[in-house]
Protein backbone atom coordinates (compact mmCIF):
# COMPACT_ATOMS: atom_id res chain seq x y z
CA MET A 1 -13.68 9.06 -24.65
CA GLU A 2 -14.87 5.72 -25.43
CA SER A 3 -11.73 5.08 -27.44
CA VAL A 4 -9.57 5.82 -24.31
CA GLN A 5 -11.08 3.06 -21.95
CA PRO A 6 -10.07 0.06 -24.02
CA ARG A 7 -6.49 1.29 -23.67
CA VAL A 8 -6.85 1.60 -20.11
CA ARG A 9 -8.06 -1.74 -19.82
CA GLU A 10 -5.71 -3.01 -21.89
CA ALA A 11 -3.00 -1.93 -20.06
CA THR A 12 -4.33 -2.89 -16.60
CA GLN A 13 -4.56 -6.40 -17.55
CA ARG A 14 -1.30 -7.48 -19.08
CA GLU A 15 1.56 -8.61 -16.93
CA VAL A 16 4.44 -6.01 -16.62
CA PRO A 17 8.13 -8.59 -17.49
CA ALA A 18 10.48 -8.28 -14.41
CA THR A 19 13.05 -5.46 -14.64
CA PRO A 20 17.13 -7.02 -15.13
CA ALA A 21 17.77 -4.90 -11.99
CA ALA A 22 15.19 -6.76 -10.00
CA LYS A 23 16.44 -9.99 -10.85
CA LYS A 24 20.00 -9.21 -9.76
CA GLY A 25 18.82 -7.81 -6.67
CA ARG A 26 18.88 -9.08 -3.15
CA ARG A 27 18.14 -12.59 -2.35
CA ALA A 28 14.56 -13.27 -2.31
CA ARG A 29 12.58 -13.28 1.23
CA GLY A 30 12.05 -17.07 1.62
CA SER A 31 16.19 -17.55 1.59
CA GLU A 32 16.65 -14.64 4.12
CA GLU A 33 14.67 -16.64 6.02
CA THR A 34 16.24 -19.83 6.36
CA SER A 35 19.69 -17.81 6.94
CA ARG A 36 21.52 -16.61 10.05
CA PHE A 37 23.92 -14.11 10.87
CA PHE A 38 26.60 -14.10 13.33
CA LEU A 39 29.88 -12.08 13.88
CA ALA A 40 33.06 -13.12 14.01
CA LYS A 41 34.73 -14.32 17.14
CA GLU A 42 37.65 -12.31 17.84
CA GLY A 43 40.64 -14.18 16.51
CA SER A 44 38.65 -15.48 13.59
CA SER A 45 39.78 -15.69 9.87
CA PRO A 46 38.65 -17.14 6.58
CA GLN A 47 41.03 -19.89 6.73
CA LYS A 48 39.55 -20.46 10.82
CA PRO A 49 36.10 -19.18 10.81
CA GLU A 50 34.54 -18.85 14.16
CA LEU A 51 31.11 -17.81 14.80
CA GLY A 52 30.08 -14.86 17.33
CA GLU A 53 27.20 -13.96 18.49
CA GLU A 54 24.30 -14.22 16.50
CA ALA A 55 22.35 -11.18 15.28
CA GLN A 56 18.22 -10.83 14.46
CA THR A 57 18.94 -9.64 11.46
CA GLU A 58 21.16 -9.14 8.37
CA SER A 59 21.13 -5.37 9.49
CA ASP A 60 21.96 -5.81 12.96
CA ALA A 61 25.05 -7.96 11.78
CA LEU A 62 26.21 -5.32 9.70
CA ILE A 63 25.89 -2.58 12.36
CA LYS A 64 27.21 -4.47 14.87
CA ALA A 65 30.05 -5.96 13.07
CA PHE A 66 31.05 -2.27 11.48
CA GLN A 67 30.99 -1.27 15.54
CA GLN A 68 33.36 -3.98 15.94
CA LYS A 69 37.13 -3.51 14.77
CA THR A 70 36.81 -6.66 12.45
CA GLY A 71 33.62 -5.97 10.62
CA VAL A 72 33.07 -9.00 9.56
CA ILE A 73 30.19 -11.46 9.41
CA TYR A 74 28.93 -14.53 8.74
CA VAL A 75 25.58 -15.72 6.67
CA LEU A 76 25.03 -19.59 7.74
CA THR A 77 22.41 -21.35 5.43
CA ALA A 78 21.44 -25.01 5.75
CA PHE A 79 20.43 -27.13 3.37
CA ARG A 80 19.41 -30.60 2.88
CA ALA A 81 20.50 -33.01 0.01
CA GLU A 82 17.79 -34.88 -1.47
CA ALA A 83 17.73 -37.00 -4.43
CA GLU A 84 15.51 -36.40 -7.77
CA ILE A 85 14.90 -38.72 -10.39
CA GLN A 86 14.66 -36.89 -13.76
CA GLY A 87 14.79 -39.16 -16.85
CA GLY A 88 15.72 -42.38 -14.81
CA ASN A 89 18.92 -40.57 -13.18
CA PRO A 90 19.41 -39.71 -9.48
CA ILE A 91 20.08 -36.05 -9.39
CA LEU A 92 21.08 -34.37 -6.09
CA VAL A 93 19.75 -31.03 -5.53
CA LYS A 94 19.86 -28.95 -2.30
CA ARG A 95 16.68 -27.84 -0.52
CA PRO A 96 16.72 -25.17 2.07
CA LEU A 97 15.49 -26.41 5.58
CA THR A 98 12.31 -24.40 6.77
CA LYS A 99 11.62 -23.09 10.23
């Protein structure tokens, strides 16, 4: 019985690597919090998108869009452009706005 105990400890102490499926999954919760979901306004097109009613969540937006004839939602994500100095050179990066 003692030989089993070290194996159990060893298995519980090592880190489990992320699976490829987990890496390709949905966006992290953090980015969803900075996104807003809108139904397409009637007459809107990809060339001239117009935002209609805002939905509270992505799920709500999908359900409402499916019920409407357009079936289109727009996801709005706001970022702030900032400069970081790396090796003496400025690099522009985008940072999500926080609520």
